[in-house]
């Protein structure tokens, strides 16, 4: 039985700590992206399209309304990349969503990049 993989990392940009917790299972990925402390924020889900269909993953916001664009964007990005169901939470306290987007993307790529890509994975 294969267990979930958990990766934690952080970066400091503009004198602010940005944190990530990444959990990957056989059929899904979950990422908490947050500022200053690990917290649940706006939560989005994305489901990858089947391989025979074109287009972006289907996505929706489950919780919150402050950072919906970033949460959906990162969930869709992760679902496309991993070919799995992706849940992404974005919690920002002081930094503007637009300002934080490139920082959070860099952090997301850092934690996801530590895991080997699995060929043929499905949701």
PDB file of N, CA and C in Angstrom:
ATOM      1  N   UNK A   1       0.851  -1.182   0.000  1.00  0.00           N
ATOM      2  CA  UNK A   1       0.000   0.000   0.000  1.00  0.00           C
ATOM      3  C   UNK A   1       0.893   1.240   0.000  1.00  0.00           C
ATOM      4  N   UNK A   2       0.645   2.101  -0.948  1.00  0.00           N
ATOM      5  CA  UNK A   2       1.411   3.339  -1.064  1.00  0.00           C
ATOM      6  C   UNK A   2       0.789   4.424  -0.193  1.00  0.00           C
ATOM      7  N   UNK A   3       1.612   5.082   0.627  1.00  0.00           N
ATOM      8  CA  UNK A   3       1.143   6.134   1.527  1.00  0.00           C
ATOM      9  C   UNK A   3       1.241   7.491   0.860  1.00  0.00           C
ATOM     10  N   UNK A   4       0.552   8.459   1.408  1.00  0.00           N
ATOM     11  CA  UNK A   4       0.581   9.827   0.904  1.00  0.00           C
ATOM     12  C   UNK A   4       1.964  10.433   1.113  1.00  0.00           C
ATOM     13  N   UNK A   5       2.344  11.292   0.193  1.00  0.00           N
ATOM     14  CA  UNK A   5       3.592  12.041   0.296  1.00  0.00           C
ATOM     15  C   UNK A   5       3.257  13.432   0.805  1.00  0.00           C
ATOM     16  N   UNK A   6       4.039  13.922   1.760  1.00  0.00           N
ATOM     17  CA  UNK A   6       3.826  15.253   2.318  1.00  0.00           C
ATOM     18  C   UNK A   6       5.122  16.051   2.180  1.00  0.00           C
ATOM     19  N   UNK A   7       5.009  17.249   1.622  1.00  0.00           N
ATOM     20  CA  UNK A   7       6.163  18.132   1.459  1.00  0.00           C
ATOM     21  C   UNK A   7       5.795  19.494   2.033  1.00  0.00           C
ATOM     22  N   UNK A   8       6.679  20.048   2.858  1.00  0.00           N
ATOM     23  CA  UNK A   8       6.487  21.395   3.394  1.00  0.00           C
ATOM     24  C   UNK A   8       7.669  22.244   2.954  1.00  0.00           C
ATOM     25  N   UNK A   9       7.389  23.492   2.609  1.00  0.00           N
ATOM     26  CA  UNK A   9       8.472  24.398   2.240  1.00  0.00           C
ATOM     27  C   UNK A   9       8.011  25.823   2.464  1.00  0.00           C
ATOM     28  N   UNK A  10       8.936  26.744   2.371  1.00  0.00           N
ATOM     29  CA  UNK A  10       8.610  28.154   2.531  1.00  0.00           C
ATOM     30  C   UNK A  10       9.625  29.005   1.793  1.00  0.00           C
ATOM     31  N   UNK A  11       9.218  30.194   1.450  1.00  0.00           N
ATOM     32  CA  UNK A  11      10.130  31.174   0.879  1.00  0.00           C
ATOM     33  C   UNK A  11       9.824  32.527   1.522  1.00  0.00           C
ATOM     34  N   UNK A  12      10.811  33.383   1.526  1.00  0.00           N
ATOM     35  CA  UNK A  12      10.632  34.739   2.035  1.00  0.00           C
ATOM     36  C   UNK A  12      10.815  35.697   0.875  1.00  0.00           C
ATOM     37  N   UNK A  13       9.796  36.474   0.611  1.00  0.00           N
ATOM     38  CA  UNK A  13       9.829  37.495  -0.436  1.00  0.00           C
ATOM     39  C   UNK A  13       9.172  38.741   0.136  1.00  0.00           C
ATOM     40  N   UNK A  14       9.720  39.888  -0.171  1.00  0.00           N
ATOM     41  CA  UNK A  14       9.184  41.168   0.305  1.00  0.00           C
ATOM     42  C   UNK A  14       9.036  41.166   1.832  1.00  0.00           C
ATOM     43  N   UNK A  15      10.001  40.538   2.515  1.00  0.00           N
ATOM     44  CA  UNK A  15      10.003  40.436   3.979  1.00  0.00           C
ATOM     45  C   UNK A  15       8.771  39.730   4.547  1.00  0.00           C
ATOM     46  N   UNK A  16       8.187  38.843   3.781  1.00  0.00           N
ATOM     47  CA  UNK A  16       7.010  38.085   4.208  1.00  0.00           C
ATOM     48  C   UNK A  16       7.280  36.600   3.994  1.00  0.00           C
ATOM     49  N   UNK A  17       6.916  35.770   4.988  1.00  0.00           N
ATOM     50  CA  UNK A  17       7.015  34.315   4.858  1.00  0.00           C
ATOM     51  C   UNK A  17       5.822  33.795   4.066  1.00  0.00           C
ATOM     52  N   UNK A  18       6.082  33.012   3.051  1.00  0.00           N
ATOM     53  CA  UNK A  18       5.040  32.308   2.304  1.00  0.00           C
ATOM     54  C   UNK A  18       5.295  30.822   2.512  1.00  0.00           C
ATOM     55  N   UNK A  19       4.247  30.104   2.907  1.00  0.00           N
ATOM     56  CA  UNK A  19       4.365  28.700   3.290  1.00  0.00           C
ATOM     57  C   UNK A  19       3.537  27.812   2.372  1.00  0.00           C
ATOM     58  N   UNK A  20       4.006  26.580   2.204  1.00  0.00           N
ATOM     59  CA  UNK A  20       3.254  25.599   1.427  1.00  0.00           C
ATOM     60  C   UNK A  20       3.312  24.253   2.121  1.00  0.00           C
ATOM     61  N   UNK A  21       2.170  23.583   2.126  1.00  0.00           N
ATOM     62  CA  UNK A  21       2.077  22.190   2.555  1.00  0.00           C
ATOM     63  C   UNK A  21       1.446  21.447   1.383  1.00  0.00           C
ATOM     64  N   UNK A  22       2.141  20.435   0.889  1.00  0.00           N
ATOM     65  CA  UNK A  22       1.696  19.686  -0.285  1.00  0.00           C
ATOM     66  C   UNK A  22       1.491  18.229   0.116  1.00  0.00           C
ATOM     67  N   UNK A  23       0.311  17.700  -0.168  1.00  0.00           N
ATOM     68  CA  UNK A  23      -0.001  16.299   0.112  1.00  0.00           C
ATOM     69  C   UNK A  23      -0.428  15.660  -1.205  1.00  0.00           C
ATOM     70  N   UNK A  24       0.235  14.559  -1.559  1.00  0.00           N
ATOM     71  CA  UNK A  24      -0.115  13.858  -2.784  1.00  0.00           C
ATOM     72  C   UNK A  24      -0.447  12.414  -2.478  1.00  0.00           C
ATOM     73  N   UNK A  25      -1.600  11.973  -2.987  1.00  0.00           N
ATOM     74  CA  UNK A  25      -2.009  10.577  -2.883  1.00  0.00           C
ATOM     75  C   UNK A  25      -2.052   9.999  -4.291  1.00  0.00           C
ATOM     76  N   UNK A  26      -2.459   8.757  -4.382  1.00  0.00           N
ATOM     77  CA  UNK A  26      -2.487   8.093  -5.684  1.00  0.00           C
ATOM     78  C   UNK A  26      -3.411   8.800  -6.683  1.00  0.00           C
ATOM     79  N   UNK A  27      -4.530   9.349  -6.192  1.00  0.00           N
ATOM     80  CA  UNK A  27      -5.497   9.941  -7.117  1.00  0.00           C
ATOM     81  C   UNK A  27      -5.736  11.441  -6.919  1.00  0.00           C
ATOM     82  N   UNK A  28      -4.992  12.083  -5.993  1.00  0.00           N
ATOM     83  CA  UNK A  28      -5.277  13.493  -5.747  1.00  0.00           C
ATOM     84  C   UNK A  28      -4.060  14.229  -5.174  1.00  0.00           C
ATOM     85  N   UNK A  29      -4.172  15.560  -5.217  1.00  0.00           N
ATOM     86  CA  UNK A  29      -3.152  16.445  -4.643  1.00  0.00           C
ATOM     87  C   UNK A  29      -3.880  17.521  -3.842  1.00  0.00           C
ATOM     88  N   UNK A  30      -3.265  17.948  -2.757  1.00  0.00           N
ATOM     89  CA  UNK A  30      -3.832  19.005  -1.935  1.00  0.00           C
ATOM     90  C   UNK A  30      -2.698  19.944  -1.543  1.00  0.00           C
ATOM     91  N   UNK A  31      -2.909  21.246  -1.720  1.00  0.00           N
ATOM     92  CA  UNK A  31      -1.882  22.227  -1.383  1.00  0.00           C
ATOM     93  C   UNK A  31      -2.490  23.342  -0.539  1.00  0.00           C
ATOM     94  N   UNK A  32      -1.818  23.644   0.577  1.00  0.00           N
ATOM     95  CA  UNK A  32      -2.131  24.832   1.364  1.00  0.00           C
ATOM     96  C   UNK A  32      -1.058  25.860   1.039  1.00  0.00           C
ATOM     97  N   UNK A  33      -1.440  26.983   0.475  1.00  0.00           N
ATOM     98  CA  UNK A  33      -0.530  28.100   0.225  1.00  0.00           C
ATOM     99  C   UNK A  33      -0.957  29.231   1.140  1.00  0.00           C
ATOM    100  N   UNK A  34      -0.040  29.720   1.966  1.00  0.00           N
ATOM    101  CA  UNK A  34      -0.454  30.724   2.931  1.00  0.00           C
ATOM    102  C   UNK A  34       0.668  31.687   3.262  1.00  0.00           C
ATOM    103  N   UNK A  35       0.258  32.777   3.863  1.00  0.00           N
ATOM    104  CA  UNK A  35       1.175  33.828   4.289  1.00  0.00           C
ATOM    105  C   UNK A  35       1.329  33.771   5.803  1.00  0.00           C
ATOM    106  N   UNK A  36       2.555  33.750   6.279  1.00  0.00           N
ATOM    107  CA  UNK A  36       2.934  33.832   7.691  1.00  0.00           C
ATOM    108  C   UNK A  36       2.685  32.582   8.529  1.00  0.00           C
ATOM    109  N   UNK A  37       1.604  31.861   8.306  1.00  0.00           N
ATOM    110  CA  UNK A  37       1.320  30.648   9.074  1.00  0.00           C
ATOM    111  C   UNK A  37       0.447  29.717   8.238  1.00  0.00           C
ATOM    112  N   UNK A  38       0.519  28.424   8.550  1.00  0.00           N
ATOM    113  CA  UNK A  38      -0.305  27.445   7.827  1.00  0.00           C
ATOM    114  C   UNK A  38      -1.759  27.628   8.230  1.00  0.00           C
ATOM    115  N   UNK A  39      -2.574  28.050   7.274  1.00  0.00           N
ATOM    116  CA  UNK A  39      -4.003  28.251   7.514  1.00  0.00           C
ATOM    117  C   UNK A  39      -4.788  27.865   6.273  1.00  0.00           C
ATOM    118  N   UNK A  40      -6.008  27.403   6.502  1.00  0.00           N
ATOM    119  CA  UNK A  40      -6.913  27.135   5.398  1.00  0.00           C
ATOM    120  C   UNK A  40      -7.487  28.457   4.918  1.00  0.00           C
ATOM    121  N   UNK A  41      -7.480  28.649   3.628  1.00  0.00           N
ATOM    122  CA  UNK A  41      -8.023  29.867   3.044  1.00  0.00           C
ATOM    123  C   UNK A  41      -9.067  29.521   2.000  1.00  0.00           C
ATOM    124  N   UNK A  42      -9.153  30.329   0.985  1.00  0.00           N
ATOM    125  CA  UNK A  42     -10.078  30.072  -0.108  1.00  0.00           C
ATOM    126  C   UNK A  42      -9.706  28.744  -0.749  1.00  0.00           C
ATOM    127  N   UNK A  43     -10.668  27.831  -0.842  1.00  0.00           N
ATOM    128  CA  UNK A  43     -10.405  26.464  -1.289  1.00  0.00           C
ATOM    129  C   UNK A  43     -11.073  26.192  -2.623  1.00  0.00           C
ATOM    130  N   UNK A  44     -10.271  25.768  -3.596  1.00  0.00           N
ATOM    131  CA  UNK A  44     -10.786  25.436  -4.924  1.00  0.00           C
ATOM    132  C   UNK A  44     -10.421  23.991  -5.262  1.00  0.00           C
ATOM    133  N   UNK A  45     -11.256  23.395  -6.111  1.00  0.00           N
ATOM    134  CA  UNK A  45     -11.006  22.038  -6.597  1.00  0.00           C
ATOM    135  C   UNK A  45     -10.985  22.074  -8.116  1.00  0.00           C
ATOM    136  N   UNK A  46     -10.140  21.242  -8.711  1.00  0.00           N
ATOM    137  CA  UNK A  46     -10.105  21.096 -10.162  1.00  0.00           C
ATOM    138  C   UNK A  46      -9.982  19.613 -10.486  1.00  0.00           C
ATOM    139  N   UNK A  47     -10.694  19.210 -11.524  1.00  0.00           N
ATOM    140  CA  UNK A  47     -10.679  17.826 -11.980  1.00  0.00           C
ATOM    141  C   UNK A  47     -10.157  17.835 -13.412  1.00  0.00           C
ATOM    142  N   UNK A  48      -9.108  17.077 -13.692  1.00  0.00           N
ATOM    143  CA  UNK A  48      -8.541  17.104 -15.049  1.00  0.00           C
ATOM    144  C   UNK A  48      -9.508  16.506 -16.067  1.00  0.00           C
ATOM    145  N   UNK A  49      -9.418  17.007 -17.280  1.00  0.00           N
ATOM    146  CA  UNK A  49     -10.223  16.446 -18.371  1.00  0.00           C
ATOM    147  C   UNK A  49      -9.665  15.074 -18.736  1.00  0.00           C
ATOM    148  N   UNK A  50     -10.519  14.160 -19.194  1.00  0.00           N
ATOM    149  CA  UNK A  50     -10.003  12.891 -19.712  1.00  0.00           C
ATOM    150  C   UNK A  50      -9.039  13.162 -20.875  1.00  0.00           C
ATOM    151  N   UNK A  51      -8.114  12.254 -21.092  1.00  0.00           N
ATOM    152  CA  UNK A  51      -7.080  12.467 -22.103  1.00  0.00           C
ATOM    153  C   UNK A  51      -7.623  12.691 -23.501  1.00  0.00           C
ATOM    154  N   UNK A  52      -8.810  12.167 -23.818  1.00  0.00           N
ATOM    155  CA  UNK A  52      -9.353  12.320 -25.168  1.00  0.00           C
ATOM    156  C   UNK A  52     -10.118  13.629 -25.361  1.00  0.00           C
ATOM    157  N   UNK A  53     -10.261  14.438 -24.326  1.00  0.00           N
ATOM    158  CA  UNK A  53     -10.940  15.730 -24.424  1.00  0.00           C
ATOM    159  C   UNK A  53      -9.942  16.872 -24.282  1.00  0.00           C
ATOM    160  N   UNK A  54     -10.158  17.917 -25.064  1.00  0.00           N
ATOM    161  CA  UNK A  54      -9.311  19.098 -24.974  1.00  0.00           C
ATOM    162  C   UNK A  54      -9.926  20.110 -24.022  1.00  0.00           C
ATOM    163  N   UNK A  55      -9.101  21.002 -23.543  1.00  0.00           N
ATOM    164  CA  UNK A  55      -9.598  22.086 -22.715  1.00  0.00           C
ATOM    165  C   UNK A  55      -9.050  22.038 -21.310  1.00  0.00           C
ATOM    166  N   UNK A  56      -9.316  23.110 -20.575  1.00  0.00           N
ATOM    167  CA  UNK A  56      -8.806  23.191 -19.202  1.00  0.00           C
ATOM    168  C   UNK A  56      -9.597  22.271 -18.270  1.00  0.00           C
ATOM    169  N   UNK A  57      -9.058  21.997 -17.104  1.00  0.00           N
ATOM    170  CA  UNK A  57      -9.789  21.191 -16.120  1.00  0.00           C
ATOM    171  C   UNK A  57     -11.051  21.920 -15.657  1.00  0.00           C
ATOM    172  N   UNK A  58     -12.024  21.154 -15.214  1.00  0.00           N
ATOM    173  CA  UNK A  58     -13.207  21.747 -14.590  1.00  0.00           C
ATOM    174  C   UNK A  58     -12.822  22.157 -13.173  1.00  0.00           C
ATOM    175  N   UNK A  59     -13.289  23.333 -12.738  1.00  0.00           N
ATOM    176  CA  UNK A  59     -12.919  23.783 -11.402  1.00  0.00           C
ATOM    177  C   UNK A  59     -14.064  24.542 -10.755  1.00  0.00           C
ATOM    178  N   UNK A  60     -13.968  24.624  -9.434  1.00  0.00           N
ATOM    179  CA  UNK A  60     -14.969  25.341  -8.653  1.00  0.00           C
ATOM    180  C   UNK A  60     -14.353  25.756  -7.329  1.00  0.00           C
ATOM    181  N   UNK A  61     -14.925  26.800  -6.730  1.00  0.00           N
ATOM    182  CA  UNK A  61     -14.488  27.241  -5.413  1.00  0.00           C
ATOM    183  C   UNK A  61     -15.442  26.657  -4.381  1.00  0.00           C
ATOM    184  N   UNK A  62     -14.886  25.990  -3.361  1.00  0.00           N
ATOM    185  CA  UNK A  62     -15.680  25.390  -2.293  1.00  0.00           C
ATOM    186  C   UNK A  62     -15.908  26.332  -1.126  1.00  0.00           C
ATOM    187  N   UNK A  63     -14.894  27.111  -0.800  1.00  0.00           N
ATOM    188  CA  UNK A  63     -14.895  27.857   0.441  1.00  0.00           C
ATOM    189  C   UNK A  63     -14.184  29.182   0.237  1.00  0.00           C
ATOM    190  N   UNK A  64     -14.755  30.241   0.757  1.00  0.00           N
ATOM    191  CA  UNK A  64     -14.088  31.540   0.734  1.00  0.00           C
ATOM    192  C   UNK A  64     -14.396  32.351  -0.508  1.00  0.00           C
ATOM    193  N   UNK A  65     -13.950  33.615  -0.459  1.00  0.00           N
ATOM    194  CA  UNK A  65     -14.181  34.490  -1.609  1.00  0.00           C
ATOM    195  C   UNK A  65     -13.073  35.519  -1.804  1.00  0.00           C
ATOM    196  N   UNK A  66     -12.052  35.528  -0.948  1.00  0.00           N
ATOM    197  CA  UNK A  66     -11.012  36.547  -1.036  1.00  0.00           C
ATOM    198  C   UNK A  66     -10.022  36.295  -2.166  1.00  0.00           C
ATOM    199  N   UNK A  67      -9.635  35.059  -2.379  1.00  0.00           N
ATOM    200  CA  UNK A  67      -8.576  34.743  -3.341  1.00  0.00           C
ATOM    201  C   UNK A  67      -9.043  33.702  -4.362  1.00  0.00           C
ATOM    202  N   UNK A  68     -10.261  33.881  -4.863  1.00  0.00           N
ATOM    203  CA  UNK A  68     -10.847  32.844  -5.721  1.00  0.00           C
ATOM    204  C   UNK A  68     -10.116  32.681  -7.053  1.00  0.00           C
ATOM    205  N   UNK A  69      -9.612  33.754  -7.601  1.00  0.00           N
ATOM    206  CA  UNK A  69      -8.932  33.651  -8.899  1.00  0.00           C
ATOM    207  C   UNK A  69      -7.659  32.824  -8.752  1.00  0.00           C
ATOM    208  N   UNK A  70      -6.853  33.139  -7.749  1.00  0.00           N
ATOM    209  CA  UNK A  70      -5.607  32.396  -7.542  1.00  0.00           C
ATOM    210  C   UNK A  70      -5.879  30.947  -7.172  1.00  0.00           C
ATOM    211  N   UNK A  71      -6.821  30.705  -6.287  1.00  0.00           N
ATOM    212  CA  UNK A  71      -7.113  29.332  -5.870  1.00  0.00           C
ATOM    213  C   UNK A  71      -7.546  28.479  -7.062  1.00  0.00           C
ATOM    214  N   UNK A  72      -8.439  28.993  -7.893  1.00  0.00           N
ATOM    215  CA  UNK A  72      -8.881  28.234  -9.072  1.00  0.00           C
ATOM    216  C   UNK A  72      -7.754  28.055 -10.075  1.00  0.00           C
ATOM    217  N   UNK A  73      -6.995  29.123 -10.298  1.00  0.00           N
ATOM    218  CA  UNK A  73      -5.897  29.061 -11.259  1.00  0.00           C
ATOM    219  C   UNK A  73      -4.869  28.003 -10.842  1.00  0.00           C
ATOM    220  N   UNK A  74      -4.486  28.002  -9.558  1.00  0.00           N
ATOM    221  CA  UNK A  74      -3.502  27.030  -9.091  1.00  0.00           C
ATOM    222  C   UNK A  74      -4.072  25.617  -9.083  1.00  0.00           C
ATOM    223  N   UNK A  75      -5.350  25.465  -8.751  1.00  0.00           N
ATOM    224  CA  UNK A  75      -5.978  24.135  -8.771  1.00  0.00           C
ATOM    225  C   UNK A  75      -6.009  23.583 -10.197  1.00  0.00           C
ATOM    226  N   UNK A  76      -6.377  24.415 -11.161  1.00  0.00           N
ATOM    227  CA  UNK A  76      -6.396  23.978 -12.559  1.00  0.00           C
ATOM    228  C   UNK A  76      -4.992  23.639 -13.054  1.00  0.00           C
ATOM    229  N   UNK A  77      -4.033  24.460 -12.683  1.00  0.00           N
ATOM    230  CA  UNK A  77      -2.636  24.219 -13.066  1.00  0.00           C
ATOM    231  C   UNK A  77      -2.154  22.878 -12.517  1.00  0.00           C
ATOM    232  N   UNK A  78      -2.430  22.628 -11.249  1.00  0.00           N
ATOM    233  CA  UNK A  78      -1.982  21.394 -10.607  1.00  0.00           C
ATOM    234  C   UNK A  78      -2.698  20.166 -11.185  1.00  0.00           C
ATOM    235  N   UNK A  79      -3.993  20.283 -11.431  1.00  0.00           N
ATOM    236  CA  UNK A  79      -4.752  19.168 -12.014  1.00  0.00           C
ATOM    237  C   UNK A  79      -4.230  18.824 -13.409  1.00  0.00           C
ATOM    238  N   UNK A  80      -3.918  19.835 -14.195  1.00  0.00           N
ATOM    239  CA  UNK A  80      -3.373  19.604 -15.540  1.00  0.00           C
ATOM    240  C   UNK A  80      -1.996  18.961 -15.476  1.00  0.00           C
ATOM    241  N   UNK A  81      -1.197  19.446 -14.581  1.00  0.00           N
ATOM    242  CA  UNK A  81       0.177  18.950 -14.471  1.00  0.00           C
ATOM    243  C   UNK A  81       0.241  17.528 -13.944  1.00  0.00           C
ATOM    244  N   UNK A  82      -0.530  17.238 -12.907  1.00  0.00           N
ATOM    245  CA  UNK A  82      -0.470  15.927 -12.253  1.00  0.00           C
ATOM    246  C   UNK A  82      -1.470  14.917 -12.797  1.00  0.00           C
ATOM    247  N   UNK A  83      -2.450  15.400 -13.569  1.00  0.00           N
ATOM    248  CA  UNK A  83      -3.502  14.518 -14.102  1.00  0.00           C
ATOM    249  C   UNK A  83      -4.261  13.842 -12.959  1.00  0.00           C
ATOM    250  N   UNK A  84      -4.517  14.619 -11.905  1.00  0.00           N
ATOM    251  CA  UNK A  84      -5.218  14.136 -10.724  1.00  0.00           C
ATOM    252  C   UNK A  84      -6.173  15.220 -10.237  1.00  0.00           C
ATOM    253  N   UNK A  85      -7.109  14.833  -9.380  1.00  0.00           N
ATOM    254  CA  UNK A  85      -7.951  15.808  -8.694  1.00  0.00           C
ATOM    255  C   UNK A  85      -7.034  16.689  -7.858  1.00  0.00           C
ATOM    256  N   UNK A  86      -7.243  18.002  -7.920  1.00  0.00           N
ATOM    257  CA  UNK A  86      -6.387  18.930  -7.184  1.00  0.00           C
ATOM    258  C   UNK A  86      -7.230  19.859  -6.323  1.00  0.00           C
ATOM    259  N   UNK A  87      -6.854  19.977  -5.066  1.00  0.00           N
ATOM    260  CA  UNK A  87      -7.459  20.933  -4.141  1.00  0.00           C
ATOM    261  C   UNK A  87      -6.370  21.930  -3.754  1.00  0.00           C
ATOM    262  N   UNK A  88      -6.683  23.213  -3.857  1.00  0.00           N
ATOM    263  CA  UNK A  88      -5.712  24.247  -3.505  1.00  0.00           C
ATOM    264  C   UNK A  88      -6.384  25.280  -2.617  1.00  0.00           C
ATOM    265  N   UNK A  89      -5.716  25.585  -1.510  1.00  0.00           N
ATOM    266  CA  UNK A  89      -6.164  26.612  -0.582  1.00  0.00           C
ATOM    267  C   UNK A  89      -5.178  27.773  -0.642  1.00  0.00           C
ATOM    268  N   UNK A  90      -5.707  28.998  -0.711  1.00  0.00           N
ATOM    269  CA  UNK A  90      -4.865  30.205  -0.711  1.00  0.00           C
ATOM    270  C   UNK A  90      -5.333  31.104   0.431  1.00  0.00           C
ATOM    271  N   UNK A  91      -4.404  31.372   1.363  1.00  0.00           N
ATOM    272  CA  UNK A  91      -4.676  32.261   2.486  1.00  0.00           C
ATOM    273  C   UNK A  91      -3.659  33.387   2.466  1.00  0.00           C
ATOM    274  N   UNK A  92      -4.129  34.608   2.265  1.00  0.00           N
ATOM    275  CA  UNK A  92      -3.270  35.791   2.290  1.00  0.00           C
ATOM    276  C   UNK A  92      -3.810  36.757   3.323  1.00  0.00           C
ATOM    277  N   UNK A  93      -2.911  37.265   4.155  1.00  0.00           N
ATOM    278  CA  UNK A  93      -3.319  38.155   5.236  1.00  0.00           C
ATOM    279  C   UNK A  93      -3.079  39.623   4.875  1.00  0.00           C
ATOM    280  N   UNK A  94      -1.887  39.952   4.399  1.00  0.00           N
ATOM    281  CA  UNK A  94      -1.537  41.359   4.156  1.00  0.00           C
ATOM    282  C   UNK A  94      -1.181  41.660   2.707  1.00  0.00           C
ATOM    283  N   UNK A  95      -0.732  40.664   1.974  1.00  0.00           N
ATOM    284  CA  UNK A  95      -0.289  40.866   0.597  1.00  0.00           C
ATOM    285  C   UNK A  95      -1.479  40.742  -0.348  1.00  0.00           C
ATOM    286  N   UNK A  96      -1.525  41.615  -1.329  1.00  0.00           N
ATOM    287  CA  UNK A  96      -2.564  41.591  -2.356  1.00  0.00           C
ATOM    288  C   UNK A  96      -2.442  40.316  -3.201  1.00  0.00           C
ATOM    289  N   UNK A  97      -3.580  39.767  -3.596  1.00  0.00           N
ATOM    290  CA  UNK A  97      -3.613  38.527  -4.376  1.00  0.00           C
ATOM    291  C   UNK A  97      -2.793  38.639  -5.664  1.00  0.00           C
ATOM    292  N   UNK A  98      -2.944  39.730  -6.377  1.00  0.00           N
ATOM    293  CA  UNK A  98      -2.203  39.920  -7.629  1.00  0.00           C
ATOM    294  C   UNK A  98      -0.703  39.977  -7.366  1.00  0.00           C
ATOM    295  N   UNK A  99      -0.316  40.621  -6.308  1.00  0.00           N
ATOM    296  CA  UNK A  99       1.086  40.762  -5.936  1.00  0.00           C
ATOM    297  C   UNK A  99       1.680  39.411  -5.510  1.00  0.00           C
ATOM    298  N   UNK A 100       0.894  38.602  -4.845  1.00  0.00           N
ATOM    299  CA  UNK A 100       1.374  37.325  -4.316  1.00  0.00           C
ATOM    300  C   UNK A 100       1.358  36.197  -5.343  1.00  0.00           C
ATOM    301  N   UNK A 101       0.629  36.354  -6.426  1.00  0.00           N
ATOM    302  CA  UNK A 101       0.423  35.247  -7.370  1.00  0.00           C
ATOM    303  C   UNK A 101       1.728  34.647  -7.886  1.00  0.00           C
ATOM    304  N   UNK A 102       2.673  35.465  -8.319  1.00  0.00           N
ATOM    305  CA  UNK A 102       3.934  34.932  -8.855  1.00  0.00           C
ATOM    306  C   UNK A 102       4.762  34.266  -7.756  1.00  0.00           C
ATOM    307  N   UNK A 103       4.698  34.802  -6.548  1.00  0.00           N
ATOM    308  CA  UNK A 103       5.425  34.219  -5.414  1.00  0.00           C
ATOM    309  C   UNK A 103       4.834  32.856  -5.070  1.00  0.00           C
ATOM    310  N   UNK A 104       3.510  32.784  -5.006  1.00  0.00           N
ATOM    311  CA  UNK A 104       2.852  31.516  -4.681  1.00  0.00           C
ATOM    312  C   UNK A 104       3.066  30.472  -5.768  1.00  0.00           C
ATOM    313  N   UNK A 105       3.091  30.901  -7.023  1.00  0.00           N
ATOM    314  CA  UNK A 105       3.348  29.958  -8.114  1.00  0.00           C
ATOM    315  C   UNK A 105       4.754  29.382  -7.997  1.00  0.00           C
ATOM    316  N   UNK A 106       5.710  30.228  -7.664  1.00  0.00           N
ATOM    317  CA  UNK A 106       7.088  29.761  -7.474  1.00  0.00           C
ATOM    318  C   UNK A 106       7.153  28.738  -6.324  1.00  0.00           C
ATOM    319  N   UNK A 107       6.438  29.021  -5.256  1.00  0.00           N
ATOM    320  CA  UNK A 107       6.409  28.119  -4.110  1.00  0.00           C
ATOM    321  C   UNK A 107       5.695  26.811  -4.458  1.00  0.00           C
ATOM    322  N   UNK A 108       4.599  26.909  -5.182  1.00  0.00           N
ATOM    323  CA  UNK A 108       3.874  25.709  -5.627  1.00  0.00           C
ATOM    324  C   UNK A 108       4.780  24.824  -6.475  1.00  0.00           C
ATOM    325  N   UNK A 109       5.465  25.417  -7.426  1.00  0.00           N
ATOM    326  CA  UNK A 109       6.361  24.645  -8.289  1.00  0.00           C
ATOM    327  C   UNK A 109       7.494  24.021  -7.482  1.00  0.00           C
ATOM    328  N   UNK A 110       7.928  24.708  -6.450  1.00  0.00           N
ATOM    329  CA  UNK A 110       9.004  24.198  -5.595  1.00  0.00           C
ATOM    330  C   UNK A 110       8.569  22.934  -4.856  1.00  0.00           C
ATOM    331  N   UNK A 111       7.384  22.935  -4.261  1.00  0.00           N
ATOM    332  CA  UNK A 111       6.939  21.752  -3.507  1.00  0.00           C
ATOM    333  C   UNK A 111       6.476  20.626  -4.419  1.00  0.00           C
ATOM    334  N   UNK A 112       5.853  20.953  -5.523  1.00  0.00           N
ATOM    335  CA  UNK A 112       5.404  19.916  -6.452  1.00  0.00           C
ATOM    336  C   UNK A 112       6.600  19.332  -7.195  1.00  0.00           C
ATOM    337  N   UNK A 113       7.579  20.172  -7.489  1.00  0.00           N
ATOM    338  CA  UNK A 113       8.761  19.733  -8.226  1.00  0.00           C
ATOM    339  C   UNK A 113       9.633  18.764  -7.464  1.00  0.00           C
ATOM    340  N   UNK A 114       9.452  18.659  -6.165  1.00  0.00           N
ATOM    341  CA  UNK A 114      10.242  17.718  -5.378  1.00  0.00           C
ATOM    342  C   UNK A 114       9.729  16.296  -5.537  1.00  0.00           C
ATOM    343  N   UNK A 115       8.568  16.150  -6.171  1.00  0.00           N
ATOM    344  CA  UNK A 115       7.982  14.830  -6.359  1.00  0.00           C
ATOM    345  C   UNK A 115       8.191  14.379  -7.800  1.00  0.00           C
ATOM    346  N   UNK A 116       8.527  13.115  -8.028  1.00  0.00           N
ATOM    347  CA  UNK A 116       8.667  12.610  -9.400  1.00  0.00           C
ATOM    348  C   UNK A 116       7.313  12.579 -10.090  1.00  0.00           C
ATOM    349  N   UNK A 117       7.303  12.960 -11.346  1.00  0.00           N
ATOM    350  CA  UNK A 117       6.079  12.875 -12.154  1.00  0.00           C
ATOM    351  C   UNK A 117       5.750  11.402 -12.395  1.00  0.00           C
ATOM    352  N   UNK A 118       4.465  11.073 -12.287  1.00  0.00           N
ATOM    353  CA  UNK A 118       4.046   9.693 -12.525  1.00  0.00           C
ATOM    354  C   UNK A 118       3.309   9.651 -13.853  1.00  0.00           C
ATOM    355  N   UNK A 119       3.793   8.816 -14.747  1.00  0.00           N
ATOM    356  CA  UNK A 119       3.171   8.672 -16.064  1.00  0.00           C
ATOM    357  C   UNK A 119       1.877   7.884 -15.949  1.00  0.00           C
ATOM    358  N   UNK A 120       0.876   8.315 -16.685  1.00  0.00           N
ATOM    359  CA  UNK A 120      -0.377   7.576 -16.766  1.00  0.00           C
ATOM    360  C   UNK A 120      -1.250   7.657 -15.533  1.00  0.00           C
ATOM    361  N   UNK A 121      -0.998   8.589 -14.654  1.00  0.00           N
ATOM    362  CA  UNK A 121      -1.847   8.715 -13.463  1.00  0.00           C
ATOM    363  C   UNK A 121      -3.199   9.265 -13.856  1.00  0.00           C
ATOM    364  N   UNK A 122      -4.259   8.756 -13.228  1.00  0.00           N
ATOM    365  CA  UNK A 122      -5.605   9.225 -13.543  1.00  0.00           C
ATOM    366  C   UNK A 122      -6.341   9.581 -12.269  1.00  0.00           C
ATOM    367  N   UNK A 123      -7.394  10.364 -12.434  1.00  0.00           N
ATOM    368  CA  UNK A 123      -8.195  10.782 -11.268  1.00  0.00           C
ATOM    369  C   UNK A 123      -9.145   9.702 -10.857  1.00  0.00           C
TER     370      UNK A 123
END
